[in-house]
């Protein structure tokens, strides 16, 4: 059978790095073909070549047996190739309908014909159970719904070769489950899917075959039914990966971070999004806030870190009330924050990696000389973080943050916050978008910090991560503290009941 996609000998270079080195990939009609690799392995670059965002220096692309020259995404669309990018390509102020038809509009005498487009979008939405309002503004809908808009964009253009780039990196477990069902429905109709991921369980759940990349080179293509997670992880990283970590007994010290009666309201609806939230974090322990996304965790973190004002309550750090202190003051007193949205709150995308790594402390003596920034000292520190945390980019410390893969942006933020050597670290989804090797490394780092006496507040949607790292687990539902648990004496199933609101512990 002729493959729907053949990429032969693809080589793509950027200054100082070969992102794709003579890669060959073959995708059959009606299959889900996973593209697996570490952060920076070249997965997104390879698919960007197929979608016309990049031009390869060498190699050929065949679509349904015919050699093609894909100069830009319009050429890809004409060939039936669509792509959902890791960071969505949507206009916030446009409606769902306007985003879907953008660049593909039907015009009559200079006026947009939207009625037929709306009807087609509604039909597609119902057919694939995507449940989306065509008139909603993008800025008003959830991340999961935005991803559905991206899928509808492909279907509206009649794409039958669908590329999903890290599609579950920003989704809740429930949304991931829905997406997997949608993918299976699409391939049943004869469409072909290329799934870029580094989540091994998702590959086992939906993929037929998997191609593994490592540092820009193709390592292997396997039938998923013949591959174990351990085998895939080892081929992806180049070494054995520990899925279970040894954890020393819990021996906490003094309370260093405390939240009492924290209440916050949505400024539009005036509804309480965080209500009387309370917890303590002691030296040498990891306290995890677990819950389904959208239950007030994001707003709570904004309040704790100073990104948004609180209505009432007390936040104490090292004995000092910081409830209404500005962000810089909280940082100087000893608070580090690994944010949920790395691009909005973690990085200045048009700064170099080196400058991003000193955003919190550029004014320290070690980074300046006679009132001017000391470029040599900054680059030396950046090289230390790059080496220690395996941050990969095309141009090292001088790389623009915008040009880096999502996973490497995340590792840069982690390195920056950990290296500040603060007393308290608030880590929000710290392994979101990371591969198994990087997750293993970050988990080891967090446990090492805990053993050094640091107080860590972890906010995570991943129940495996919650059970693996936590010394205490607090479940948050609809903005409230509904239960505290010892991970050694509870189960993911019990936590799930509290996370869904089915059960709660009385205070």
Protein backbone atom coordinates (compact mmCIF):
# COMPACT_ATOMS: atom_id res chain seq x y z
CA UNK A 1 0.00 0.00 0.00
CA UNK A 2 1.34 3.47 -0.89
CA UNK A 3 1.93 5.57 2.25
CA UNK A 4 0.01 8.86 2.49
CA UNK A 5 3.18 10.58 3.67
CA UNK A 6 6.82 9.76 2.96
CA UNK A 7 9.63 11.98 4.18
CA UNK A 8 12.98 10.77 2.83
CA UNK A 9 16.36 12.03 4.03
CA UNK A 10 15.03 15.25 5.57
CA UNK A 11 17.79 17.51 6.89
CA UNK A 12 17.00 20.87 8.50
CA UNK A 13 19.69 23.11 9.97
CA UNK A 14 19.60 26.22 12.13
CA UNK A 15 22.64 28.31 13.14
CA UNK A 16 24.80 26.06 15.29
CA UNK A 17 22.50 23.03 15.26
CA UNK A 18 21.22 20.27 12.93
CA UNK A 19 17.61 19.95 14.07
CA UNK A 20 16.79 17.09 11.64
CA UNK A 21 19.62 14.87 10.41
CA UNK A 22 18.69 12.69 7.40
CA UNK A 23 15.32 11.60 8.84
CA UNK A 24 12.99 9.17 7.05
CA UNK A 25 9.34 8.82 8.04
CA UNK A 26 6.47 6.86 6.47
CA UNK A 27 2.79 7.22 7.47
CA UNK A 28 0.04 4.85 6.27
CA UNK A 29 -3.55 5.80 5.54
CA UNK A 30 -5.88 5.38 8.51
CA UNK A 31 -3.18 5.06 11.15
CA UNK A 32 -2.15 7.10 14.17
CA UNK A 33 1.61 7.39 13.87
CA UNK A 34 3.33 8.74 17.01
CA UNK A 35 6.48 10.82 16.80
CA UNK A 36 8.32 10.34 20.10
CA UNK A 37 11.40 12.13 21.40
CA UNK A 38 12.91 14.26 24.14
CA UNK A 39 12.40 18.02 24.29
CA UNK A 40 14.49 19.42 21.44
CA UNK A 41 14.79 16.07 19.59
CA UNK A 42 13.49 17.64 16.35
CA UNK A 43 9.88 16.41 16.33
CA UNK A 44 8.17 19.78 15.87
CA UNK A 45 10.81 20.90 13.36
CA UNK A 46 10.20 17.82 11.20
CA UNK A 47 6.45 18.43 11.20
CA UNK A 48 6.99 22.14 10.51
CA UNK A 49 8.87 21.06 7.36
CA UNK A 50 5.91 18.87 6.36
CA UNK A 51 3.47 21.73 7.05
CA UNK A 52 5.50 24.28 5.09
CA UNK A 53 6.63 26.45 8.01
CA UNK A 54 10.28 25.52 7.33
CA UNK A 55 12.15 24.53 4.16
CA UNK A 56 14.51 21.56 4.52
CA UNK A 57 18.06 21.84 3.16
CA UNK A 58 17.92 18.23 1.92
CA UNK A 59 15.36 15.51 1.35
CA UNK A 60 12.10 14.74 -0.45
CA UNK A 61 8.44 14.71 0.60
CA UNK A 62 5.89 12.44 -1.11
CA UNK A 63 2.14 12.79 -0.53
CA UNK A 64 0.14 9.73 -1.71
CA UNK A 65 3.13 8.63 -3.79
CA UNK A 66 3.65 11.97 -5.57
CA UNK A 67 6.71 14.12 -4.85
CA UNK A 68 5.62 17.59 -3.70
CA UNK A 69 7.21 20.95 -2.96
CA UNK A 70 5.55 22.44 0.13
CA UNK A 71 6.60 26.10 0.24
CA UNK A 72 4.12 27.30 2.89
CA UNK A 73 1.09 26.20 4.98
CA UNK A 74 -1.30 27.09 2.13
CA UNK A 75 0.44 24.46 -0.02
CA UNK A 76 0.07 21.98 2.84
CA UNK A 77 -3.64 22.77 3.18
CA UNK A 78 -4.14 22.24 -0.56
CA UNK A 79 -2.61 18.76 -0.14
CA UNK A 80 -5.00 17.97 2.72
CA UNK A 81 -2.42 18.45 5.49
CA UNK A 82 -3.54 20.27 8.66
CA UNK A 83 -1.70 21.00 11.91
CA UNK A 84 -2.67 21.77 15.51
CA UNK A 85 0.33 23.60 16.95
CA UNK A 86 1.55 23.22 20.53
CA UNK A 87 0.93 26.95 21.08
CA UNK A 88 -2.35 27.64 19.30
CA UNK A 89 -2.49 29.98 16.30
CA UNK A 90 -5.71 31.77 17.21
CA UNK A 91 -6.75 35.46 17.33
CA UNK A 92 -7.96 36.13 20.91
CA UNK A 93 -10.37 38.92 19.97
CA UNK A 94 -12.02 36.99 17.10
CA UNK A 95 -14.94 34.59 17.47
CA UNK A 96 -14.60 30.83 17.04
CA UNK A 97 -16.30 31.16 13.62
CA UNK A 98 -13.97 33.93 12.41
CA UNK A 99 -10.88 31.99 13.52
CA UNK A 100 -11.99 28.87 11.67
CA UNK A 101 -12.69 30.61 8.36
CA UNK A 102 -9.68 32.97 8.56
CA UNK A 103 -7.73 32.62 5.31
CA UNK A 104 -10.44 30.36 3.89
CA UNK A 105 -13.30 32.84 3.64
CA UNK A 106 -16.20 32.62 1.18
CA UNK A 107 -17.04 36.06 -0.23
CA UNK A 108 -20.02 37.36 -2.24
CA UNK A 109 -19.69 40.86 -3.79
CA UNK A 110 -17.11 41.86 -1.20
CA UNK A 111 -19.11 40.58 1.80
CA UNK A 112 -18.25 37.54 3.93
CA UNK A 113 -20.74 34.66 3.62
CA UNK A 114 -20.91 33.38 7.19
CA UNK A 115 -24.25 31.55 7.30
CA UNK A 116 -23.06 28.49 5.36
CA UNK A 117 -19.78 28.48 7.29
CA UNK A 118 -21.64 28.59 10.62
CA UNK A 119 -23.87 25.69 9.56
CA UNK A 120 -20.89 23.61 8.45
CA UNK A 121 -19.04 24.31 11.71
CA UNK A 122 -22.09 23.34 13.79
CA UNK A 123 -22.46 20.10 11.81
CA UNK A 124 -18.77 19.21 12.21
CA UNK A 125 -18.93 20.09 15.90
CA UNK A 126 -21.89 17.76 16.42
CA UNK A 127 -20.45 14.98 14.24
CA UNK A 128 -17.20 14.81 16.26
CA UNK A 129 -18.78 15.76 19.61
CA UNK A 130 -16.54 18.85 19.84
CA UNK A 131 -19.24 20.93 21.58
CA UNK A 132 -18.19 24.44 20.67
CA UNK A 133 -20.13 27.70 20.32
CA UNK A 134 -19.21 29.32 16.96
CA UNK A 135 -20.00 32.81 18.28
CA UNK A 136 -17.89 32.63 21.47
CA UNK A 137 -14.76 34.79 21.60
CA UNK A 138 -11.47 32.84 21.82
CA UNK A 139 -10.37 34.84 24.88
CA UNK A 140 -13.51 33.69 26.77
CA UNK A 141 -13.16 29.92 26.24
CA UNK A 142 -10.94 27.35 27.98
CA UNK A 143 -7.66 26.00 26.64
CA UNK A 144 -9.34 22.67 25.90
CA UNK A 145 -12.05 24.42 23.87
CA UNK A 146 -9.40 26.43 21.99
CA UNK A 147 -7.79 23.17 20.96
CA UNK A 148 -11.16 21.98 19.62
CA UNK A 149 -11.29 25.15 17.52
CA UNK A 150 -7.91 24.20 16.03
CA UNK A 151 -9.25 20.72 15.21
CA UNK A 152 -12.35 22.25 13.61
CA UNK A 153 -10.10 24.51 11.51
CA UNK A 154 -8.49 21.38 10.01
CA UNK A 155 -11.80 19.61 9.45
CA UNK A 156 -13.37 22.73 7.91
CA UNK A 157 -10.54 22.75 5.37
CA UNK A 158 -11.19 19.04 4.61
CA UNK A 159 -7.73 18.00 5.84
CA UNK A 160 -7.25 14.23 5.90
CA UNK A 161 -3.65 14.19 7.17
CA UNK A 162 -3.73 15.69 10.66
CA UNK A 163 -0.66 16.69 12.69
CA UNK A 164 -1.12 17.12 16.45
CA UNK A 165 1.88 18.79 18.15
CA UNK A 166 1.92 17.93 21.88
CA UNK A 167 -1.89 18.18 21.95
CA UNK A 168 -2.35 17.15 25.59
CA UNK A 169 0.32 19.37 27.18
CA UNK A 170 -2.25 21.89 28.44
CA UNK A 171 -5.32 19.66 28.87
CA UNK A 172 -7.00 18.21 31.94
CA UNK A 173 -7.22 14.39 32.26
CA UNK A 174 -10.88 14.56 31.23
CA UNK A 175 -10.07 16.65 28.14
CA UNK A 176 -7.26 14.25 27.21
CA UNK A 177 -9.71 11.34 27.34
CA UNK A 178 -12.11 13.24 25.04
CA UNK A 179 -9.30 14.07 22.60
CA UNK A 180 -8.25 10.42 22.37
CA UNK A 181 -11.84 9.49 21.46
CA UNK A 182 -11.91 12.21 18.77
CA UNK A 183 -8.64 10.91 17.28
CA UNK A 184 -9.97 7.36 17.09
CA UNK A 185 -13.16 8.60 15.40
CA UNK A 186 -11.11 10.52 12.82
CA UNK A 187 -8.96 7.54 11.80
CA UNK A 188 -12.04 5.31 11.53
CA UNK A 189 -13.07 7.58 8.65
CA UNK A 190 -9.78 6.96 6.87
CA UNK A 191 -7.92 10.06 8.04
CA UNK A 192 -4.27 9.71 9.07
CA UNK A 193 -2.85 11.29 12.22
CA UNK A 194 0.72 12.14 13.19
CA UNK A 195 0.86 12.59 16.97
CA UNK A 196 3.89 14.43 18.35
CA UNK A 197 4.24 13.48 22.01
CA UNK A 198 6.52 12.27 24.75
CA UNK A 199 3.72 10.79 26.90
CA UNK A 200 4.20 7.05 26.71
CA UNK A 201 0.75 6.13 28.05
CA UNK A 202 -0.94 8.13 25.29
CA UNK A 203 1.10 6.29 22.65
CA UNK A 204 0.04 2.96 24.14
CA UNK A 205 -3.59 4.15 24.23
CA UNK A 206 -4.08 5.35 20.64
CA UNK A 207 -1.05 4.91 18.34
CA UNK A 208 -0.50 2.10 15.81
CA UNK A 209 3.19 2.77 15.16
CA UNK A 210 5.81 5.02 16.73
CA UNK A 211 8.95 6.63 15.28
CA UNK A 212 11.57 7.64 17.85
CA UNK A 213 13.88 10.64 17.40
CA UNK A 214 16.90 11.48 19.55
CA UNK A 215 19.02 14.61 19.12
CA UNK A 216 17.83 15.16 15.56
CA UNK A 217 18.32 11.57 14.34
CA UNK A 218 15.83 8.77 13.75
CA UNK A 219 16.43 5.89 16.16
CA UNK A 220 13.69 3.40 15.22
CA UNK A 221 10.10 2.79 14.06
CA UNK A 222 8.13 0.20 16.05
CA UNK A 223 4.66 -1.33 16.18
CA UNK A 224 3.20 -0.03 19.45
CA UNK A 225 1.75 -3.43 20.33
CA UNK A 226 5.30 -4.82 20.48
CA UNK A 227 6.76 -1.97 22.60
CA UNK A 228 6.74 -1.48 26.39
CA UNK A 229 6.98 1.91 28.09
CA UNK A 230 10.41 0.96 29.44
CA UNK A 231 11.66 0.09 25.94
CA UNK A 232 10.30 3.33 24.46
CA UNK A 233 11.75 5.46 27.26
CA UNK A 234 15.20 3.89 26.93
CA UNK A 235 15.31 4.38 23.15
CA UNK A 236 14.05 7.94 23.47
CA UNK A 237 16.54 9.04 26.14
CA UNK A 238 19.42 6.67 25.42
CA UNK A 239 19.52 5.22 28.95
CA UNK A 240 17.26 3.41 31.40
CA UNK A 241 14.66 5.67 33.03
CA UNK A 242 13.43 5.18 36.59
CA UNK A 243 9.64 5.30 36.75
CA UNK A 244 9.66 4.92 40.55
CA UNK A 245 11.89 7.13 42.71
CA UNK A 246 13.26 6.41 46.17
CA UNK A 247 12.01 8.91 48.71
CA UNK A 248 13.49 9.46 52.17
CA UNK A 249 11.10 9.46 55.16
CA UNK A 250 9.20 12.68 55.82
CA UNK A 251 10.98 14.79 58.51
CA UNK A 252 9.58 18.33 58.35
CA UNK A 253 10.87 21.31 60.32
CA UNK A 254 9.33 24.68 61.14
CA UNK A 255 6.39 26.17 59.22
CA UNK A 256 7.78 28.70 56.71
CA UNK A 257 4.75 29.33 54.46
CA UNK A 258 1.18 29.69 55.61
CA UNK A 259 -2.12 30.62 53.99
CA UNK A 260 -5.17 31.31 56.16
CA UNK A 261 -8.69 32.17 55.00
CA UNK A 262 -7.62 33.15 51.47
CA UNK A 263 -10.60 34.44 49.48
CA UNK A 264 -10.60 35.83 45.92
CA UNK A 265 -13.42 36.83 43.56
CA UNK A 266 -13.81 36.90 39.81
CA UNK A 267 -13.89 40.64 39.01
CA UNK A 268 -16.51 40.11 36.26
CA UNK A 269 -19.00 37.81 37.99
CA UNK A 270 -18.11 38.65 41.61
CA UNK A 271 -18.29 34.93 42.31
CA UNK A 272 -15.79 33.59 44.88
CA UNK A 273 -13.20 31.56 42.92
CA UNK A 274 -11.11 30.90 46.06
CA UNK A 275 -13.00 30.59 49.33
CA UNK A 276 -11.42 30.41 52.79
CA UNK A 277 -8.43 28.40 51.50
CA UNK A 278 -5.94 27.36 54.16
CA UNK A 279 -2.74 25.30 54.41
CA UNK A 280 0.78 25.31 55.85
CA UNK A 281 4.08 24.21 54.32
CA UNK A 282 7.01 23.29 56.56
CA UNK A 283 10.72 23.07 55.95
CA UNK A 284 11.66 19.80 54.27
CA UNK A 285 8.28 18.81 52.87
CA UNK A 286 6.31 18.80 49.63
CA UNK A 287 2.67 19.78 50.05
CA UNK A 288 0.59 19.22 46.91
CA UNK A 289 -2.63 20.96 45.95
CA UNK A 290 -4.51 18.42 43.82
CA UNK A 291 -7.67 19.07 41.86
CA UNK A 292 -9.28 19.16 38.46
CA UNK A 293 -8.24 22.23 36.49
CA UNK A 294 -10.55 25.21 36.90
CA UNK A 295 -11.25 24.75 40.60
CA UNK A 296 -9.46 27.88 41.79
CA UNK A 297 -5.85 26.65 41.78
CA UNK A 298 -4.73 29.23 39.19
CA UNK A 299 -6.36 32.15 41.04
CA UNK A 300 -4.98 30.93 44.37
CA UNK A 301 -1.43 30.90 42.97
CA UNK A 302 -1.94 34.40 41.53
CA UNK A 303 -2.90 35.55 45.03
CA UNK A 304 0.01 33.78 46.74
CA UNK A 305 2.59 35.20 44.32
CA UNK A 306 1.17 38.72 44.03
CA UNK A 307 0.00 38.47 40.42
CA UNK A 308 -3.54 39.36 41.54
CA UNK A 309 -4.89 41.05 44.70
CA UNK A 310 -6.72 39.01 47.33
CA UNK A 311 -10.04 40.01 48.91
CA UNK A 312 -9.18 38.75 52.38
CA UNK A 313 -6.99 36.28 54.21
CA UNK A 314 -3.38 36.14 55.38
CA UNK A 315 -0.29 34.85 53.56
CA UNK A 316 2.79 34.47 55.73
CA UNK A 317 6.35 33.81 54.53
CA UNK A 318 9.14 33.31 57.08
CA UNK A 319 6.95 34.95 59.72
CA UNK A 320 6.22 38.05 57.63
CA UNK A 321 2.75 38.95 56.36
CA UNK A 322 3.10 39.27 52.57
CA UNK A 323 -0.64 39.34 51.78
CA UNK A 324 -0.41 42.70 50.00
CA UNK A 325 3.30 42.91 49.21
CA UNK A 326 4.39 43.46 45.59
CA UNK A 327 5.90 40.57 43.62
CA UNK A 328 9.51 41.77 43.94
CA UNK A 329 9.22 42.03 47.72
CA UNK A 330 7.90 38.46 47.95
CA UNK A 331 10.80 37.27 45.78
CA UNK A 332 13.37 39.04 47.96
CA UNK A 333 11.89 37.62 51.18
CA UNK A 334 12.31 34.09 49.80
CA UNK A 335 9.55 33.00 47.39
CA UNK A 336 10.21 31.31 44.03
CA UNK A 337 7.46 30.64 41.47
CA UNK A 338 7.43 28.19 38.58
CA UNK A 339 4.33 29.48 36.75
CA UNK A 340 1.58 27.54 35.01
CA UNK A 341 1.78 29.68 31.84
CA UNK A 342 5.48 29.72 30.97
CA UNK A 343 5.09 32.10 28.04
CA UNK A 344 2.90 34.71 29.75
CA UNK A 345 4.35 34.73 33.27
CA UNK A 346 7.63 32.83 33.05
CA UNK A 347 9.61 34.38 30.19
CA UNK A 348 10.12 37.50 28.14
CA UNK A 349 9.96 35.77 24.77
CA UNK A 350 11.95 38.41 22.90
CA UNK A 351 14.82 38.36 25.44
CA UNK A 352 17.76 36.00 25.17
CA UNK A 353 17.90 32.90 27.32
CA UNK A 354 20.71 34.49 29.38
CA UNK A 355 18.66 37.61 30.13
CA UNK A 356 15.62 35.51 31.05
CA UNK A 357 17.70 33.61 33.59
CA UNK A 358 18.50 36.79 35.57
CA UNK A 359 15.09 38.48 35.45
CA UNK A 360 14.67 38.22 39.25
CA UNK A 361 18.18 39.19 40.30
CA UNK A 362 19.92 41.21 37.58
CA UNK A 363 20.52 43.95 40.20
CA UNK A 364 22.70 41.69 42.40
CA UNK A 365 26.39 42.58 42.69
CA UNK A 366 27.45 39.36 40.96
CA UNK A 367 25.68 40.41 37.73
CA UNK A 368 26.88 43.99 37.50
CA UNK A 369 30.07 45.98 37.35
CA UNK A 370 30.24 49.74 38.03
CA UNK A 371 26.52 50.12 37.50
CA UNK A 372 26.39 48.19 34.22
CA UNK A 373 25.31 44.61 33.59
CA UNK A 374 28.32 42.27 33.54
CA UNK A 375 27.73 40.30 30.30
CA UNK A 376 30.49 37.80 31.10
CA UNK A 377 29.07 37.01 34.55
CA UNK A 378 25.55 36.67 33.13
CA UNK A 379 26.69 34.32 30.35
CA UNK A 380 28.74 32.25 32.82
CA UNK A 381 25.64 31.81 35.03
CA UNK A 382 23.52 30.99 31.97
CA UNK A 383 25.99 28.31 30.85
CA UNK A 384 25.83 26.79 34.35
CA UNK A 385 22.00 26.56 34.19
CA UNK A 386 22.05 25.28 30.60
CA UNK A 387 24.50 22.53 31.53
CA UNK A 388 22.91 21.52 34.84
CA UNK A 389 19.32 21.45 33.58
CA UNK A 390 20.05 20.26 30.01
CA UNK A 391 18.41 23.30 28.38
CA UNK A 392 18.74 22.81 24.62
CA UNK A 393 18.54 25.63 22.09
CA UNK A 394 20.02 26.58 18.73
CA UNK A 395 22.35 29.29 20.02
CA UNK A 396 23.00 28.57 23.69
CA UNK A 397 22.75 31.50 26.09
CA UNK A 398 22.19 33.89 23.17
CA UNK A 399 19.10 32.02 21.87
CA UNK A 400 15.87 33.99 21.89
CA UNK A 401 13.42 32.42 24.35
CA UNK A 402 10.74 32.48 21.63
CA UNK A 403 12.79 30.15 19.42
CA UNK A 404 13.11 27.40 22.04
CA UNK A 405 10.84 24.35 22.30
CA UNK A 406 8.18 24.44 25.01
CA UNK A 407 9.93 21.79 27.08
CA UNK A 408 13.24 23.65 27.02
CA UNK A 409 11.51 26.91 27.95
CA UNK A 410 10.13 25.03 30.96
CA UNK A 411 13.54 23.65 31.96
CA UNK A 412 15.02 27.16 31.76
CA UNK A 413 12.38 28.50 34.18
CA UNK A 414 12.90 25.56 36.54
CA UNK A 415 16.64 26.11 36.54
CA UNK A 416 16.28 29.84 37.17
CA UNK A 417 13.88 29.43 40.10
CA UNK A 418 15.76 26.56 41.76
CA UNK A 419 19.12 28.33 41.44
CA UNK A 420 17.75 31.35 43.32
CA UNK A 421 18.04 29.21 46.50
CA UNK A 422 14.84 30.48 48.12
CA UNK A 423 13.10 29.09 51.20
CA UNK A 424 9.78 28.39 49.48
CA UNK A 425 9.12 27.19 45.93
CA UNK A 426 5.64 27.29 44.41
CA UNK A 427 5.79 24.83 41.50
CA UNK A 428 2.71 24.89 39.25
CA UNK A 429 2.62 21.98 36.80
CA UNK A 430 6.46 21.88 36.79
CA UNK A 431 6.67 18.88 34.44
CA UNK A 432 3.94 19.97 32.00
CA UNK A 433 5.28 19.47 28.47
CA UNK A 434 8.40 17.56 29.58
CA UNK A 435 9.59 14.13 28.40
CA UNK A 436 10.09 11.14 30.73
CA UNK A 437 13.82 11.77 31.12
CA UNK A 438 13.27 15.42 32.04
CA UNK A 439 10.39 14.51 34.38
CA UNK A 440 12.64 12.01 36.18
CA UNK A 441 15.31 14.74 36.55
CA UNK A 442 12.85 17.37 37.85
CA UNK A 443 11.30 14.94 40.33
CA UNK A 444 14.78 14.10 41.66
CA UNK A 445 15.57 17.84 41.94
CA UNK A 446 12.36 18.57 43.88
CA UNK A 447 13.01 15.67 46.26
CA UNK A 448 16.63 16.84 46.74
CA UNK A 449 15.40 20.37 47.54
CA UNK A 450 12.96 18.93 50.03
CA UNK A 451 15.76 16.94 51.66
CA UNK A 452 17.81 20.16 51.89
CA UNK A 453 15.04 21.68 53.99
CA UNK A 454 13.20 23.68 51.33
CA UNK A 455 9.42 24.10 51.57
CA UNK A 456 7.70 23.17 48.31
CA UNK A 457 4.09 23.86 47.38
CA UNK A 458 3.31 21.74 44.30
CA UNK A 459 0.18 22.29 42.20
CA UNK A 460 -0.38 19.35 39.86
CA UNK A 461 -3.14 17.76 37.78
CA UNK A 462 -1.13 14.55 37.30
CA UNK A 463 -2.24 12.03 39.94
CA UNK A 464 0.86 9.88 39.35
CA UNK A 465 3.03 12.91 40.12
CA UNK A 466 0.91 13.81 43.15
CA UNK A 467 1.26 10.31 44.64
CA UNK A 468 4.96 10.04 43.82
CA UNK A 469 6.19 13.36 45.26
CA UNK A 470 3.83 14.47 48.01
CA UNK A 471 4.34 14.32 51.75
CA UNK A 472 0.86 15.75 52.25
CA UNK A 473 -1.96 16.17 49.71
CA UNK A 474 -4.64 18.85 49.89
CA UNK A 475 -7.58 18.51 47.52
CA UNK A 476 -9.16 21.71 46.19
CA UNK A 477 -12.69 21.71 44.76
CA UNK A 478 -14.61 24.80 43.66
CA UNK A 479 -12.05 27.03 45.37
CA UNK A 480 -12.25 25.28 48.75
CA UNK A 481 -10.05 22.97 50.82
CA UNK A 482 -12.11 19.73 50.87
CA UNK A 483 -9.63 17.29 52.38
CA UNK A 484 -6.05 16.60 53.47
CA UNK A 485 -4.42 13.20 52.89
CA UNK A 486 -1.32 11.19 53.61
CA UNK A 487 -0.22 9.67 50.26
CA UNK A 488 0.82 6.45 52.04
CA UNK A 489 -2.74 6.01 53.35
CA UNK A 490 -4.84 7.01 50.34
CA UNK A 491 -5.34 5.97 46.71
CA UNK A 492 -5.78 7.80 43.39
CA UNK A 493 -9.36 6.53 43.34
CA UNK A 494 -10.17 8.11 46.72
CA UNK A 495 -8.51 11.37 45.70
CA UNK A 496 -10.57 11.32 42.49
CA UNK A 497 -13.81 11.25 44.52
CA UNK A 498 -12.78 14.38 46.43
CA UNK A 499 -11.48 16.10 43.27
CA UNK A 500 -14.84 15.57 41.54
CA UNK A 501 -16.81 16.88 44.54
CA UNK A 502 -18.37 13.51 45.34
CA UNK A 503 -16.85 13.49 48.85
CA UNK A 504 -15.40 16.03 51.26
CA UNK A 505 -13.89 16.00 54.74
CA UNK A 506 -15.47 18.30 57.29
CA UNK A 507 -13.05 20.83 58.78
